Amino acid sequence: MYSLGIDVGGTFTDVVIVNGDNEVEMMKIPSTPENPLEGIKNGLKDASRLLGLEQDDLIREADRFVHGTTVATNSMLEYKGAKTALLTTLGFRDSLEMRRCHRKGQWDFFTPQPPIIVPRYLRRG
């Protein structure tokens, strides 16, 4: 049995394989930002090749598959991607815009604020 972990990033895709004896294999392959699914497929293909298995056998013998990605986080940080709506608990739709947290210069009203990710008309709660 194997545990597989694949983390698709903007530049690299990391693959971690742990076998039944807790032996760990790791690899890093180039990501495919235009199609993150290809990064997963390439990771599985390279992992099966490393273990000397057919890809279908590796998938069949995996009792755990963990997938992580920074694609959504990066698109939000870079203000790219589709228009987004936000659903919140009733009465909390302005919580993110209020920015109630501890941060440097929180009492300085002249500190520039980051742009609002979801405009108010697209927030419900």
N, C-alpha and C. Protein backbone atom coordinates (compact mmCIF):
# COMPACT_ATOMS: atom_id res chain seq x y z
N MET A 1 0.84 -1.18 0.00
CA MET A 1 0.00 0.00 0.00
C MET A 1 0.88 1.24 0.00
N TYR A 2 0.36 2.27 -0.60
CA TYR A 2 1.09 3.54 -0.72
C TYR A 2 0.21 4.69 -0.27
N SER A 3 0.87 5.72 0.25
CA SER A 3 0.23 7.02 0.45
C SER A 3 0.89 7.96 -0.53
N LEU A 4 0.06 8.69 -1.27
CA LEU A 4 0.57 9.61 -2.29
C LEU A 4 0.16 11.03 -1.92
N GLY A 5 1.09 11.95 -2.10
CA GLY A 5 0.79 13.36 -1.92
C GLY A 5 1.31 14.13 -3.11
N ILE A 6 0.47 14.96 -3.70
CA ILE A 6 0.88 15.78 -4.84
C ILE A 6 0.45 17.21 -4.56
N ASP A 7 1.42 18.12 -4.58
CA ASP A 7 1.17 19.54 -4.35
C ASP A 7 1.51 20.29 -5.62
N VAL A 8 0.50 20.83 -6.27
CA VAL A 8 0.70 21.55 -7.53
C VAL A 8 0.90 23.03 -7.22
N GLY A 9 2.08 23.52 -7.53
CA GLY A 9 2.38 24.94 -7.35
C GLY A 9 2.45 25.64 -8.68
N GLY A 10 2.77 26.92 -8.64
CA GLY A 10 2.85 27.69 -9.86
C GLY A 10 4.04 27.33 -10.72
N THR A 11 5.14 26.92 -10.09
CA THR A 11 6.37 26.61 -10.83
C THR A 11 6.68 25.11 -10.81
N PHE A 12 6.53 24.50 -9.63
CA PHE A 12 6.85 23.08 -9.49
C PHE A 12 5.69 22.32 -8.88
N THR A 13 5.64 21.03 -9.20
CA THR A 13 4.71 20.09 -8.58
C THR A 13 5.55 19.13 -7.75
N ASP A 14 5.23 19.04 -6.46
CA ASP A 14 5.95 18.15 -5.55
C ASP A 14 5.16 16.87 -5.38
N VAL A 15 5.87 15.75 -5.42
CA VAL A 15 5.25 14.44 -5.27
C VAL A 15 5.95 13.72 -4.12
N VAL A 16 5.16 13.18 -3.19
CA VAL A 16 5.69 12.40 -2.07
C VAL A 16 4.97 11.06 -2.05
N ILE A 17 5.75 9.99 -1.93
CA ILE A 17 5.20 8.63 -1.88
C ILE A 17 5.73 7.98 -0.62
N VAL A 18 4.84 7.40 0.17
CA VAL A 18 5.24 6.67 1.37
C VAL A 18 4.72 5.25 1.21
N ASN A 19 5.63 4.26 1.32
CA ASN A 19 5.19 2.87 1.18
C ASN A 19 4.79 2.30 2.54
N GLY A 20 4.40 1.04 2.55
CA GLY A 20 3.94 0.38 3.77
C GLY A 20 4.99 0.28 4.86
N ASP A 21 6.27 0.37 4.50
CA ASP A 21 7.36 0.34 5.49
C ASP A 21 7.76 1.74 5.92
N ASN A 22 6.95 2.73 5.58
CA ASN A 22 7.21 4.15 5.88
C ASN A 22 8.47 4.68 5.22
N GLU A 23 8.86 4.08 4.10
CA GLU A 23 9.96 4.62 3.31
C GLU A 23 9.40 5.71 2.41
N VAL A 24 10.13 6.81 2.33
CA VAL A 24 9.63 7.99 1.62
C VAL A 24 10.43 8.24 0.35
N GLU A 25 9.72 8.50 -0.72
CA GLU A 25 10.33 8.94 -1.98
C GLU A 25 9.73 10.30 -2.31
N MET A 26 10.57 11.23 -2.75
CA MET A 26 10.09 12.56 -3.11
C MET A 26 10.64 12.95 -4.46
N MET A 27 9.87 13.75 -5.18
CA MET A 27 10.35 14.27 -6.46
C MET A 27 9.70 15.61 -6.72
N LYS A 28 10.33 16.37 -7.56
CA LYS A 28 9.85 17.69 -7.96
C LYS A 28 9.87 17.73 -9.48
N ILE A 29 8.73 18.08 -10.06
CA ILE A 29 8.63 18.15 -11.52
C ILE A 29 8.07 19.52 -11.90
N PRO A 30 8.30 19.97 -13.12
CA PRO A 30 7.75 21.27 -13.53
C PRO A 30 6.22 21.24 -13.53
N SER A 31 5.62 22.33 -13.09
CA SER A 31 4.16 22.46 -13.13
C SER A 31 3.71 22.85 -14.52
N THR A 32 2.43 22.71 -14.73
CA THR A 32 1.81 23.14 -15.98
C THR A 32 0.73 24.15 -15.62
N PRO A 33 1.12 25.43 -15.43
CA PRO A 33 0.16 26.43 -14.94
C PRO A 33 -1.08 26.58 -15.80
N GLU A 34 -0.95 26.33 -17.10
CA GLU A 34 -2.12 26.47 -17.97
C GLU A 34 -3.12 25.35 -17.75
N ASN A 35 -2.69 24.23 -17.13
CA ASN A 35 -3.58 23.11 -16.86
C ASN A 35 -3.06 22.33 -15.65
N PRO A 36 -3.46 22.74 -14.42
CA PRO A 36 -2.94 22.09 -13.21
C PRO A 36 -3.19 20.59 -13.15
N LEU A 37 -4.25 20.10 -13.79
CA LEU A 37 -4.52 18.66 -13.80
C LEU A 37 -3.38 17.89 -14.45
N GLU A 38 -2.75 18.48 -15.46
CA GLU A 38 -1.61 17.82 -16.10
C GLU A 38 -0.48 17.61 -15.10
N GLY A 39 -0.30 18.54 -14.15
CA GLY A 39 0.72 18.38 -13.11
C GLY A 39 0.47 17.14 -12.27
N ILE A 40 -0.80 16.89 -11.95
CA ILE A 40 -1.15 15.69 -11.18
C ILE A 40 -0.88 14.44 -12.01
N LYS A 41 -1.32 14.46 -13.26
CA LYS A 41 -1.10 13.30 -14.14
C LYS A 41 0.39 13.02 -14.32
N ASN A 42 1.17 14.07 -14.55
CA ASN A 42 2.62 13.89 -14.72
C ASN A 42 3.26 13.38 -13.44
N GLY A 43 2.78 13.86 -12.29
CA GLY A 43 3.31 13.38 -11.02
C GLY A 43 3.03 11.91 -10.81
N LEU A 44 1.82 11.47 -11.13
CA LEU A 44 1.48 10.05 -11.01
C LEU A 44 2.30 9.20 -11.97
N LYS A 45 2.47 9.70 -13.19
CA LYS A 45 3.25 8.96 -14.19
C LYS A 45 4.70 8.80 -13.72
N ASP A 46 5.32 9.89 -13.25
CA ASP A 46 6.71 9.81 -12.80
C ASP A 46 6.85 8.98 -11.54
N ALA A 47 5.87 9.06 -10.63
CA ALA A 47 5.93 8.26 -9.40
C ALA A 47 5.84 6.78 -9.72
N SER A 48 4.95 6.40 -10.62
CA SER A 48 4.83 4.98 -10.97
C SER A 48 6.10 4.49 -11.65
N ARG A 49 6.69 5.32 -12.49
CA ARG A 49 7.95 4.95 -13.15
C ARG A 49 9.05 4.75 -12.10
N LEU A 50 9.13 5.65 -11.12
CA LEU A 50 10.15 5.55 -10.07
C LEU A 50 10.01 4.25 -9.28
N LEU A 51 8.77 3.84 -9.03
CA LEU A 51 8.52 2.63 -8.25
C LEU A 51 8.51 1.37 -9.09
N GLY A 52 8.62 1.51 -10.41
CA GLY A 52 8.60 0.35 -11.29
C GLY A 52 7.23 -0.28 -11.41
N LEU A 53 6.19 0.54 -11.30
CA LEU A 53 4.82 0.06 -11.39
C LEU A 53 4.12 0.69 -12.59
N GLU A 54 3.07 0.04 -13.03
CA GLU A 54 2.17 0.67 -13.99
C GLU A 54 1.37 1.72 -13.23
N GLN A 55 1.00 2.79 -13.91
CA GLN A 55 0.27 3.87 -13.25
C GLN A 55 -1.03 3.37 -12.62
N ASP A 56 -1.77 2.53 -13.32
CA ASP A 56 -3.02 1.99 -12.78
C ASP A 56 -2.77 1.17 -11.51
N ASP A 57 -1.65 0.42 -11.47
CA ASP A 57 -1.33 -0.38 -10.29
C ASP A 57 -1.01 0.52 -9.10
N LEU A 58 -0.28 1.61 -9.34
CA LEU A 58 0.04 2.53 -8.26
C LEU A 58 -1.25 3.13 -7.68
N ILE A 59 -2.14 3.54 -8.55
CA ILE A 59 -3.41 4.12 -8.08
C ILE A 59 -4.22 3.07 -7.32
N ARG A 60 -4.25 1.86 -7.82
CA ARG A 60 -5.00 0.78 -7.18
C ARG A 60 -4.42 0.45 -5.80
N GLU A 61 -3.09 0.52 -5.68
CA GLU A 61 -2.43 0.17 -4.42
C GLU A 61 -2.35 1.34 -3.44
N ALA A 62 -2.79 2.50 -3.85
CA ALA A 62 -2.75 3.66 -2.95
C ALA A 62 -3.95 3.63 -2.02
N ASP A 63 -3.69 3.67 -0.71
CA ASP A 63 -4.79 3.73 0.23
C ASP A 63 -5.08 5.17 0.65
N ARG A 64 -4.22 6.09 0.21
CA ARG A 64 -4.43 7.50 0.53
C ARG A 64 -3.86 8.35 -0.60
N PHE A 65 -4.63 9.35 -0.99
CA PHE A 65 -4.16 10.32 -1.98
C PHE A 65 -4.49 11.70 -1.44
N VAL A 66 -3.46 12.52 -1.28
CA VAL A 66 -3.64 13.88 -0.76
C VAL A 66 -3.20 14.85 -1.84
N HIS A 67 -4.06 15.81 -2.12
CA HIS A 67 -3.75 16.81 -3.14
C HIS A 67 -3.77 18.19 -2.50
N GLY A 68 -2.75 18.97 -2.80
CA GLY A 68 -2.70 20.35 -2.35
C GLY A 68 -2.34 21.24 -3.52
N THR A 69 -2.72 22.49 -3.42
CA THR A 69 -2.38 23.41 -4.50
C THR A 69 -2.36 24.84 -3.98
N THR A 70 -1.53 25.65 -4.59
CA THR A 70 -1.50 27.08 -4.29
C THR A 70 -2.10 27.87 -5.44
N VAL A 71 -2.69 27.19 -6.40
CA VAL A 71 -3.21 27.86 -7.59
C VAL A 71 -4.28 28.89 -7.20
N ALA A 72 -5.24 28.50 -6.37
CA ALA A 72 -6.30 29.43 -5.98
C ALA A 72 -5.74 30.57 -5.14
N THR A 73 -4.85 30.25 -4.21
CA THR A 73 -4.24 31.29 -3.37
C THR A 73 -3.48 32.28 -4.23
N ASN A 74 -2.68 31.78 -5.15
CA ASN A 74 -1.91 32.67 -6.02
C ASN A 74 -2.81 33.55 -6.87
N SER A 75 -3.89 33.00 -7.39
CA SER A 75 -4.78 33.81 -8.23
C SER A 75 -5.43 34.92 -7.40
N MET A 76 -5.72 34.66 -6.14
CA MET A 76 -6.28 35.71 -5.29
C MET A 76 -5.23 36.76 -4.95
N LEU A 77 -4.01 36.32 -4.62
CA LEU A 77 -2.95 37.27 -4.29
C LEU A 77 -2.58 38.15 -5.47
N GLU A 78 -2.69 37.60 -6.67
CA GLU A 78 -2.34 38.33 -7.89
C GLU A 78 -3.55 39.04 -8.50
N TYR A 79 -4.72 38.91 -7.87
CA TYR A 79 -5.96 39.51 -8.37
C TYR A 79 -6.26 39.07 -9.80
N LYS A 80 -6.08 37.78 -10.04
CA LYS A 80 -6.41 37.18 -11.33
C LYS A 80 -7.53 36.18 -11.11
N GLY A 81 -8.16 35.77 -12.16
CA GLY A 81 -9.18 34.75 -12.04
C GLY A 81 -10.57 35.30 -12.26
N ALA A 82 -11.53 34.45 -12.02
CA ALA A 82 -12.93 34.78 -12.29
C ALA A 82 -13.50 35.72 -11.23
N LYS A 83 -14.55 36.42 -11.59
CA LYS A 83 -15.28 37.25 -10.63
C LYS A 83 -15.80 36.32 -9.54
N THR A 84 -15.71 36.75 -8.29
CA THR A 84 -16.02 35.90 -7.16
C THR A 84 -17.15 36.48 -6.32
N ALA A 85 -18.01 35.62 -5.82
CA ALA A 85 -19.03 36.00 -4.85
C ALA A 85 -18.65 35.40 -3.50
N LEU A 86 -19.24 35.92 -2.43
CA LEU A 86 -18.92 35.43 -1.10
C LEU A 86 -20.21 35.24 -0.31
N LEU A 87 -20.42 34.03 0.20
CA LEU A 87 -21.56 33.74 1.07
C LEU A 87 -21.04 33.63 2.48
N THR A 88 -21.69 34.34 3.43
CA THR A 88 -21.26 34.30 4.82
C THR A 88 -22.45 34.03 5.73
N THR A 89 -22.15 33.85 6.99
CA THR A 89 -23.19 33.77 8.00
C THR A 89 -23.92 35.12 8.06
N LEU A 90 -25.21 35.09 8.32
CA LEU A 90 -26.01 36.31 8.37
C LEU A 90 -25.36 37.35 9.28
N GLY A 91 -25.19 38.55 8.76
CA GLY A 91 -24.61 39.64 9.54
C GLY A 91 -23.11 39.77 9.43
N PHE A 92 -22.46 38.90 8.66
CA PHE A 92 -21.00 38.92 8.59
C PHE A 92 -20.45 39.27 7.20
N ARG A 93 -21.27 39.78 6.31
CA ARG A 93 -20.80 39.98 4.95
C ARG A 93 -19.71 41.03 4.83
N ASP A 94 -19.60 41.94 5.80
CA ASP A 94 -18.58 42.99 5.74
C ASP A 94 -17.34 42.66 6.59
N SER A 95 -17.28 41.47 7.16
CA SER A 95 -16.18 41.13 8.07
C SER A 95 -14.80 41.28 7.44
N LEU A 96 -14.63 40.80 6.21
CA LEU A 96 -13.32 40.91 5.58
C LEU A 96 -12.96 42.36 5.28
N GLU A 97 -13.93 43.14 4.87
CA GLU A 97 -13.67 44.54 4.55
C GLU A 97 -13.34 45.34 5.81
N MET A 98 -13.90 44.96 6.96
CA MET A 98 -13.63 45.67 8.21
C MET A 98 -12.19 45.45 8.68
N ARG A 99 -11.59 44.34 8.27
CA ARG A 99 -10.18 44.05 8.55
C ARG A 99 -9.85 44.14 10.05
N ARG A 100 -10.65 43.48 10.85
CA ARG A 100 -10.41 43.52 12.29
C ARG A 100 -9.41 42.44 12.67
N CYS A 101 -8.15 42.82 12.69
CA CYS A 101 -7.08 41.90 13.09
C CYS A 101 -5.90 42.73 13.56
N HIS A 102 -4.94 42.08 14.16
CA HIS A 102 -3.73 42.77 14.60
C HIS A 102 -2.78 42.87 13.43
N ARG A 103 -2.38 44.08 13.11
CA ARG A 103 -1.44 44.28 12.02
C ARG A 103 -0.67 45.57 12.26
N LYS A 104 0.45 45.68 11.62
CA LYS A 104 1.27 46.88 11.73
C LYS A 104 0.50 48.08 11.18
N GLY A 105 0.47 49.16 11.92
CA GLY A 105 -0.19 50.37 11.47
C GLY A 105 -1.70 50.30 11.47
N GLN A 106 -2.29 49.42 12.30
CA GLN A 106 -3.74 49.27 12.27
C GLN A 106 -4.48 50.52 12.72
N TRP A 107 -3.82 51.38 13.49
CA TRP A 107 -4.48 52.61 13.95
C TRP A 107 -4.11 53.81 13.09
N ASP A 108 -3.30 53.61 12.08
CA ASP A 108 -2.90 54.68 11.18
C ASP A 108 -3.89 54.73 10.02
N PHE A 109 -4.73 55.75 10.01
CA PHE A 109 -5.78 55.84 8.99
C PHE A 109 -5.23 56.20 7.62
N PHE A 110 -3.94 56.52 7.54
CA PHE A 110 -3.34 56.86 6.26
C PHE A 110 -2.60 55.68 5.64
N THR A 111 -2.57 54.55 6.34
CA THR A 111 -1.95 53.35 5.80
C THR A 111 -2.79 52.85 4.63
N PRO A 112 -2.19 52.66 3.46
CA PRO A 112 -2.99 52.18 2.32
C PRO A 112 -3.57 50.79 2.60
N GLN A 113 -4.80 50.59 2.23
CA GLN A 113 -5.47 49.31 2.40
C GLN A 113 -5.37 48.51 1.10
N PRO A 114 -5.25 47.20 1.22
CA PRO A 114 -5.25 46.39 -0.01
C PRO A 114 -6.62 46.46 -0.68
N PRO A 115 -6.66 46.20 -1.97
CA PRO A 115 -7.96 46.22 -2.66
C PRO A 115 -8.91 45.17 -2.09
N ILE A 116 -10.18 45.44 -2.20
CA ILE A 116 -11.20 44.51 -1.74
C ILE A 116 -11.35 43.41 -2.79
N ILE A 117 -11.25 42.17 -2.36
CA ILE A 117 -11.28 41.05 -3.29
C ILE A 117 -12.68 40.82 -3.85
N VAL A 118 -13.68 40.89 -2.97
CA VAL A 118 -15.07 40.67 -3.40
C VAL A 118 -15.85 41.96 -3.12
N PRO A 119 -16.34 42.63 -4.16
CA PRO A 119 -17.10 43.86 -3.94
C PRO A 119 -18.39 43.59 -3.15
N ARG A 120 -18.85 44.59 -2.43
CA ARG A 120 -20.00 44.42 -1.53
C ARG A 120 -21.24 43.88 -2.24
N TYR A 121 -21.48 44.31 -3.46
CA TYR A 121 -22.69 43.86 -4.15
C TYR A 121 -22.66 42.36 -4.47
N LEU A 122 -21.48 41.72 -4.34
CA LEU A 122 -21.37 40.27 -4.57
C LEU A 122 -21.23 39.48 -3.27
N ARG A 123 -21.50 40.14 -2.13
CA ARG A 123 -21.42 39.45 -0.84
C ARG A 123 -22.83 39.32 -0.27
N ARG A 124 -23.13 38.14 0.25
CA ARG A 124 -24.43 37.89 0.87
C ARG A 124 -24.21 37.26 2.24
N GLY A 125 -24.98 37.74 3.20
CA GLY A 125 -24.87 37.16 4.53
C GLY A 125 -25.57 38.00 5.56
